[in-house]
N, C-alpha and C. Protein backbone atom coordinates (compact mmCIF):
# COMPACT_ATOMS: atom_id res chain seq x y z
N MET A 1 35.55 -16.67 -90.67
CA MET A 1 35.45 -16.64 -89.22
C MET A 1 34.25 -17.50 -88.79
N SER A 2 34.43 -18.15 -87.66
CA SER A 2 33.35 -18.98 -87.13
C SER A 2 32.33 -18.09 -86.41
N LEU A 3 31.19 -18.69 -86.09
CA LEU A 3 30.15 -17.96 -85.36
C LEU A 3 30.67 -17.50 -84.00
N ALA A 4 31.44 -18.35 -83.34
CA ALA A 4 32.00 -17.98 -82.02
C ALA A 4 32.92 -16.77 -82.14
N GLN A 5 33.74 -16.72 -83.17
CA GLN A 5 34.63 -15.58 -83.37
C GLN A 5 33.84 -14.31 -83.68
N ILE A 6 32.80 -14.44 -84.46
CA ILE A 6 31.97 -13.27 -84.79
C ILE A 6 31.29 -12.74 -83.54
N LEU A 7 30.74 -13.65 -82.73
CA LEU A 7 30.09 -13.22 -81.49
C LEU A 7 31.09 -12.59 -80.53
N ASN A 8 32.29 -13.16 -80.43
CA ASN A 8 33.34 -12.59 -79.58
C ASN A 8 33.73 -11.19 -80.06
N LEU A 9 33.86 -11.04 -81.35
CA LEU A 9 34.19 -9.74 -81.92
C LEU A 9 33.08 -8.72 -81.67
N ALA A 10 31.84 -9.13 -81.84
CA ALA A 10 30.71 -8.22 -81.63
C ALA A 10 30.61 -7.80 -80.16
N ALA A 11 30.76 -8.76 -79.25
CA ALA A 11 30.69 -8.44 -77.82
C ALA A 11 31.85 -7.52 -77.42
N SER A 12 33.02 -7.79 -77.94
CA SER A 12 34.18 -6.94 -77.64
C SER A 12 33.99 -5.54 -78.18
N ALA A 13 33.39 -5.44 -79.36
CA ALA A 13 33.11 -4.12 -79.94
C ALA A 13 32.11 -3.35 -79.09
N LEU A 14 31.09 -4.04 -78.57
CA LEU A 14 30.13 -3.38 -77.69
C LEU A 14 30.79 -2.89 -76.41
N VAL A 15 31.66 -3.70 -75.83
CA VAL A 15 32.38 -3.30 -74.62
C VAL A 15 33.22 -2.06 -74.90
N ALA A 16 33.99 -2.09 -75.98
CA ALA A 16 34.83 -0.95 -76.32
C ALA A 16 33.99 0.30 -76.59
N LEU A 17 32.90 0.14 -77.32
CA LEU A 17 32.04 1.28 -77.65
C LEU A 17 31.42 1.90 -76.40
N PHE A 18 30.80 1.07 -75.56
CA PHE A 18 30.12 1.62 -74.39
C PHE A 18 31.10 2.14 -73.35
N ALA A 19 32.29 1.57 -73.30
CA ALA A 19 33.32 2.13 -72.42
C ALA A 19 33.71 3.53 -72.90
N ALA A 20 33.87 3.68 -74.20
CA ALA A 20 34.21 5.00 -74.76
C ALA A 20 33.09 6.01 -74.52
N VAL A 21 31.84 5.57 -74.67
CA VAL A 21 30.70 6.46 -74.42
C VAL A 21 30.67 6.88 -72.95
N PHE A 22 30.85 5.91 -72.04
CA PHE A 22 30.85 6.23 -70.61
C PHE A 22 31.97 7.21 -70.27
N ILE A 23 33.19 6.92 -70.74
CA ILE A 23 34.33 7.77 -70.42
C ILE A 23 34.11 9.18 -70.93
N THR A 24 33.61 9.31 -72.13
CA THR A 24 33.35 10.64 -72.70
C THR A 24 32.28 11.37 -71.90
N THR A 25 31.19 10.69 -71.60
CA THR A 25 30.09 11.30 -70.85
C THR A 25 30.54 11.70 -69.45
N TYR A 26 31.20 10.79 -68.76
CA TYR A 26 31.64 11.05 -67.38
C TYR A 26 32.67 12.18 -67.35
N HIS A 27 33.54 12.20 -68.34
CA HIS A 27 34.55 13.25 -68.41
C HIS A 27 33.91 14.63 -68.60
N LEU A 28 32.89 14.68 -69.43
CA LEU A 28 32.25 15.97 -69.73
C LEU A 28 31.28 16.44 -68.65
N LEU A 29 30.67 15.50 -67.92
CA LEU A 29 29.58 15.87 -67.01
C LEU A 29 29.91 15.78 -65.52
N ALA A 30 30.97 15.13 -65.15
CA ALA A 30 31.24 14.92 -63.73
C ALA A 30 32.65 15.40 -63.36
N PRO A 31 32.81 15.91 -62.16
CA PRO A 31 34.15 16.32 -61.70
C PRO A 31 34.92 15.09 -61.17
N TRP A 32 35.18 14.12 -62.04
CA TRP A 32 35.73 12.83 -61.65
C TRP A 32 37.15 12.91 -61.09
N ARG A 33 37.89 13.95 -61.44
CA ARG A 33 39.28 14.06 -60.97
C ARG A 33 39.38 14.37 -59.49
N ARG A 34 38.29 14.79 -58.87
CA ARG A 34 38.31 15.24 -57.48
C ARG A 34 38.18 14.12 -56.46
N THR A 35 37.76 12.93 -56.90
CA THR A 35 37.53 11.86 -55.94
C THR A 35 38.25 10.57 -56.36
N ALA A 36 38.56 9.77 -55.37
CA ALA A 36 39.17 8.46 -55.65
C ALA A 36 38.20 7.59 -56.45
N MET A 37 36.92 7.68 -56.12
CA MET A 37 35.92 6.88 -56.86
C MET A 37 35.84 7.31 -58.32
N GLY A 38 35.93 8.60 -58.58
CA GLY A 38 35.91 9.09 -59.95
C GLY A 38 37.09 8.55 -60.76
N TRP A 39 38.27 8.61 -60.18
CA TRP A 39 39.47 8.05 -60.83
C TRP A 39 39.29 6.56 -61.05
N HIS A 40 38.78 5.89 -60.05
CA HIS A 40 38.58 4.44 -60.15
C HIS A 40 37.64 4.10 -61.30
N LEU A 41 36.52 4.79 -61.37
CA LEU A 41 35.56 4.52 -62.45
C LEU A 41 36.17 4.75 -63.82
N MET A 42 36.90 5.84 -63.97
CA MET A 42 37.51 6.14 -65.26
C MET A 42 38.57 5.10 -65.64
N LEU A 43 39.45 4.77 -64.70
CA LEU A 43 40.52 3.81 -65.00
C LEU A 43 39.97 2.41 -65.25
N PHE A 44 39.03 1.97 -64.43
CA PHE A 44 38.47 0.63 -64.59
C PHE A 44 37.74 0.52 -65.93
N THR A 45 36.90 1.50 -66.23
CA THR A 45 36.15 1.47 -67.48
C THR A 45 37.10 1.55 -68.68
N GLY A 46 38.13 2.38 -68.56
CA GLY A 46 39.11 2.47 -69.65
C GLY A 46 39.85 1.17 -69.87
N ALA A 47 40.25 0.51 -68.80
CA ALA A 47 40.97 -0.76 -68.92
C ALA A 47 40.09 -1.83 -69.55
N ILE A 48 38.84 -1.92 -69.11
CA ILE A 48 37.93 -2.90 -69.69
C ILE A 48 37.66 -2.59 -71.16
N GLY A 49 37.48 -1.32 -71.48
CA GLY A 49 37.27 -0.93 -72.87
C GLY A 49 38.47 -1.26 -73.74
N LEU A 50 39.67 -1.04 -73.22
CA LEU A 50 40.87 -1.37 -73.98
C LEU A 50 41.03 -2.88 -74.17
N LEU A 51 40.59 -3.67 -73.21
CA LEU A 51 40.61 -5.12 -73.40
C LEU A 51 39.67 -5.53 -74.54
N GLY A 52 38.51 -4.88 -74.62
CA GLY A 52 37.62 -5.13 -75.76
C GLY A 52 38.26 -4.73 -77.07
N LEU A 53 38.92 -3.57 -77.07
CA LEU A 53 39.62 -3.10 -78.27
C LEU A 53 40.75 -4.05 -78.66
N TYR A 54 41.44 -4.59 -77.66
CA TYR A 54 42.50 -5.57 -77.91
C TYR A 54 41.96 -6.75 -78.73
N THR A 55 40.81 -7.27 -78.33
CA THR A 55 40.23 -8.41 -79.04
C THR A 55 39.93 -8.05 -80.49
N ILE A 56 39.43 -6.86 -80.70
CA ILE A 56 39.12 -6.42 -82.06
C ILE A 56 40.40 -6.34 -82.90
N VAL A 57 41.42 -5.71 -82.35
CA VAL A 57 42.67 -5.53 -83.09
C VAL A 57 43.33 -6.87 -83.38
N VAL A 58 43.39 -7.76 -82.39
CA VAL A 58 44.02 -9.07 -82.60
C VAL A 58 43.26 -9.88 -83.63
N THR A 59 41.95 -9.75 -83.64
CA THR A 59 41.15 -10.48 -84.63
C THR A 59 41.52 -10.06 -86.04
N PHE A 60 41.74 -8.77 -86.25
CA PHE A 60 42.04 -8.29 -87.59
C PHE A 60 43.51 -8.38 -87.97
N THR A 61 44.41 -8.36 -86.98
CA THR A 61 45.83 -8.45 -87.31
C THR A 61 46.33 -9.88 -87.32
N GLY A 62 45.60 -10.81 -86.76
CA GLY A 62 46.05 -12.20 -86.68
C GLY A 62 46.78 -12.44 -85.37
N LEU A 63 47.11 -13.68 -85.10
CA LEU A 63 47.72 -14.05 -83.83
C LEU A 63 49.21 -14.30 -83.93
N ASP A 64 49.83 -14.01 -85.06
CA ASP A 64 51.26 -14.25 -85.24
C ASP A 64 51.99 -12.94 -85.51
N GLY A 65 53.29 -12.98 -85.27
CA GLY A 65 54.13 -11.85 -85.62
C GLY A 65 54.32 -10.85 -84.49
N THR A 66 55.10 -9.83 -84.80
CA THR A 66 55.45 -8.81 -83.82
C THR A 66 54.25 -8.02 -83.31
N PRO A 67 53.33 -7.58 -84.18
CA PRO A 67 52.17 -6.84 -83.65
C PRO A 67 51.38 -7.64 -82.61
N ALA A 68 51.20 -8.93 -82.85
CA ALA A 68 50.46 -9.76 -81.89
C ALA A 68 51.23 -9.86 -80.57
N MET A 69 52.55 -9.99 -80.64
CA MET A 69 53.36 -10.08 -79.43
C MET A 69 53.25 -8.78 -78.62
N ILE A 70 53.33 -7.65 -79.28
CA ILE A 70 53.21 -6.36 -78.61
C ILE A 70 51.82 -6.23 -77.97
N LEU A 71 50.80 -6.65 -78.71
CA LEU A 71 49.43 -6.58 -78.17
C LEU A 71 49.26 -7.51 -76.97
N ARG A 72 49.93 -8.66 -76.97
CA ARG A 72 49.84 -9.56 -75.81
C ARG A 72 50.48 -8.93 -74.58
N TYR A 73 51.61 -8.24 -74.80
CA TYR A 73 52.23 -7.52 -73.68
C TYR A 73 51.28 -6.43 -73.15
N ALA A 74 50.67 -5.70 -74.08
CA ALA A 74 49.73 -4.64 -73.67
C ALA A 74 48.55 -5.25 -72.92
N ARG A 75 48.07 -6.40 -73.37
CA ARG A 75 46.96 -7.06 -72.69
C ARG A 75 47.36 -7.49 -71.28
N THR A 76 48.58 -7.98 -71.14
CA THR A 76 49.07 -8.38 -69.82
C THR A 76 49.10 -7.18 -68.88
N VAL A 77 49.58 -6.05 -69.37
CA VAL A 77 49.60 -4.83 -68.55
C VAL A 77 48.18 -4.42 -68.18
N LEU A 78 47.26 -4.47 -69.14
CA LEU A 78 45.86 -4.12 -68.85
C LEU A 78 45.26 -5.05 -67.79
N LEU A 79 45.55 -6.33 -67.87
CA LEU A 79 45.03 -7.26 -66.87
C LEU A 79 45.61 -6.98 -65.49
N MET A 80 46.86 -6.57 -65.43
CA MET A 80 47.46 -6.19 -64.15
C MET A 80 46.79 -4.92 -63.60
N VAL A 81 46.46 -3.99 -64.47
CA VAL A 81 45.75 -2.78 -64.06
C VAL A 81 44.37 -3.16 -63.51
N VAL A 82 43.67 -4.05 -64.20
CA VAL A 82 42.36 -4.49 -63.72
C VAL A 82 42.49 -5.16 -62.36
N ALA A 83 43.49 -6.01 -62.19
CA ALA A 83 43.69 -6.67 -60.89
C ALA A 83 43.95 -5.63 -59.80
N GLY A 84 44.78 -4.63 -60.08
CA GLY A 84 45.03 -3.57 -59.11
C GLY A 84 43.78 -2.77 -58.79
N LEU A 85 42.97 -2.50 -59.79
CA LEU A 85 41.73 -1.75 -59.57
C LEU A 85 40.71 -2.57 -58.79
N ILE A 86 40.68 -3.87 -58.99
CA ILE A 86 39.79 -4.70 -58.18
C ILE A 86 40.26 -4.71 -56.73
N ALA A 87 41.57 -4.75 -56.52
CA ALA A 87 42.10 -4.65 -55.15
C ALA A 87 41.73 -3.30 -54.54
N GLN A 88 41.84 -2.22 -55.33
CA GLN A 88 41.46 -0.90 -54.85
C GLN A 88 39.97 -0.86 -54.51
N ARG A 89 39.15 -1.46 -55.35
CA ARG A 89 37.70 -1.49 -55.10
C ARG A 89 37.40 -2.24 -53.81
N THR A 90 38.11 -3.34 -53.58
CA THR A 90 37.92 -4.09 -52.34
C THR A 90 38.29 -3.23 -51.14
N TRP A 91 39.38 -2.51 -51.23
CA TRP A 91 39.80 -1.61 -50.14
C TRP A 91 38.76 -0.51 -49.91
N MET A 92 38.23 0.06 -50.99
CA MET A 92 37.25 1.13 -50.87
C MET A 92 35.98 0.63 -50.18
N VAL A 93 35.56 -0.59 -50.49
CA VAL A 93 34.38 -1.16 -49.84
C VAL A 93 34.68 -1.39 -48.36
N TRP A 94 35.83 -1.95 -48.07
CA TRP A 94 36.20 -2.19 -46.67
C TRP A 94 36.25 -0.88 -45.89
N ALA A 95 36.89 0.14 -46.47
CA ALA A 95 37.01 1.43 -45.78
C ALA A 95 35.64 2.08 -45.58
N ALA A 96 34.73 1.91 -46.53
CA ALA A 96 33.39 2.49 -46.38
C ALA A 96 32.60 1.78 -45.28
N GLN A 97 32.87 0.51 -45.08
CA GLN A 97 32.15 -0.24 -44.06
C GLN A 97 32.79 -0.14 -42.68
N HIS A 98 34.00 0.39 -42.61
CA HIS A 98 34.71 0.55 -41.34
C HIS A 98 35.18 2.00 -41.23
N PRO A 99 34.29 2.93 -40.86
CA PRO A 99 34.66 4.35 -40.83
C PRO A 99 35.77 4.61 -39.81
N ALA A 100 36.55 5.63 -40.09
CA ALA A 100 37.64 6.01 -39.20
C ALA A 100 37.10 6.50 -37.87
N LYS A 101 37.83 6.26 -36.82
CA LYS A 101 37.44 6.70 -35.48
C LYS A 101 38.37 7.83 -35.03
N VAL A 102 37.81 8.81 -34.34
CA VAL A 102 38.64 9.84 -33.74
C VAL A 102 39.08 9.34 -32.37
N GLN A 103 39.93 10.06 -31.69
CA GLN A 103 40.51 9.56 -30.45
C GLN A 103 39.51 9.28 -29.35
N ASP A 104 38.37 9.97 -29.33
CA ASP A 104 37.40 9.71 -28.26
C ASP A 104 36.49 8.52 -28.57
N GLY A 105 36.73 7.84 -29.70
CA GLY A 105 35.99 6.63 -30.03
C GLY A 105 34.77 6.84 -30.89
N THR A 106 34.45 8.07 -31.25
CA THR A 106 33.30 8.30 -32.11
C THR A 106 33.76 8.27 -33.56
N ASP A 107 32.85 7.90 -34.45
CA ASP A 107 33.27 7.86 -35.85
C ASP A 107 33.17 9.25 -36.46
N THR A 108 33.86 9.41 -37.59
CA THR A 108 33.96 10.72 -38.23
C THR A 108 32.97 10.90 -39.37
N THR A 109 32.11 9.93 -39.59
CA THR A 109 31.13 10.08 -40.65
C THR A 109 29.98 10.93 -40.18
N SER A 110 29.19 11.43 -41.09
CA SER A 110 28.07 12.28 -40.72
C SER A 110 27.04 11.52 -39.90
N ALA A 111 26.98 10.20 -40.10
CA ALA A 111 26.02 9.42 -39.33
C ALA A 111 26.44 9.31 -37.87
N GLY A 112 27.70 9.51 -37.58
CA GLY A 112 28.17 9.35 -36.22
C GLY A 112 28.44 10.65 -35.51
N THR A 113 27.98 11.77 -36.04
CA THR A 113 28.27 13.06 -35.41
C THR A 113 27.31 13.39 -34.28
N GLY A 114 26.26 12.61 -34.19
CA GLY A 114 25.30 12.88 -33.12
C GLY A 114 24.26 13.89 -33.49
N SER A 115 24.39 14.53 -34.63
CA SER A 115 23.38 15.50 -35.01
C SER A 115 22.21 14.78 -35.66
N ARG A 116 21.03 15.06 -35.18
CA ARG A 116 19.85 14.43 -35.74
C ARG A 116 18.84 15.50 -36.10
N GLU A 117 18.21 15.26 -37.23
CA GLU A 117 17.16 16.20 -37.62
C GLU A 117 15.91 15.87 -36.84
N GLU A 118 15.24 16.90 -36.38
CA GLU A 118 14.00 16.67 -35.67
C GLU A 118 12.87 16.53 -36.67
N THR A 119 12.01 15.56 -36.42
CA THR A 119 10.87 15.38 -37.28
C THR A 119 9.65 16.04 -36.65
N PRO A 120 8.80 16.66 -37.44
CA PRO A 120 7.62 17.33 -36.89
C PRO A 120 6.61 16.37 -36.32
């Protein structure tokens, strides 16, 4: 293997490893299933980690034959998932910057409720 292949393999292994560590930690410590952001973080991190794992597997199995073809299909699906998650992330940012309005024109966020804490 060339130096470039070794570096690619090492970087992909780090991505896969840290994605697995994050997913395990977040799963055990956070109620991620309750929020859209929690689901987003888990799915995005999982997809990126699986792309790193893909590179590792393809490196060891070679680029020819049925296993490589199946892995390329899996990689294509993962890339589509990443594209969808980036679109979701864009929507989440847009929605956070444009809070919903109630019928009287006031926003529904806590910043727009009119309640202010008094300072001493």
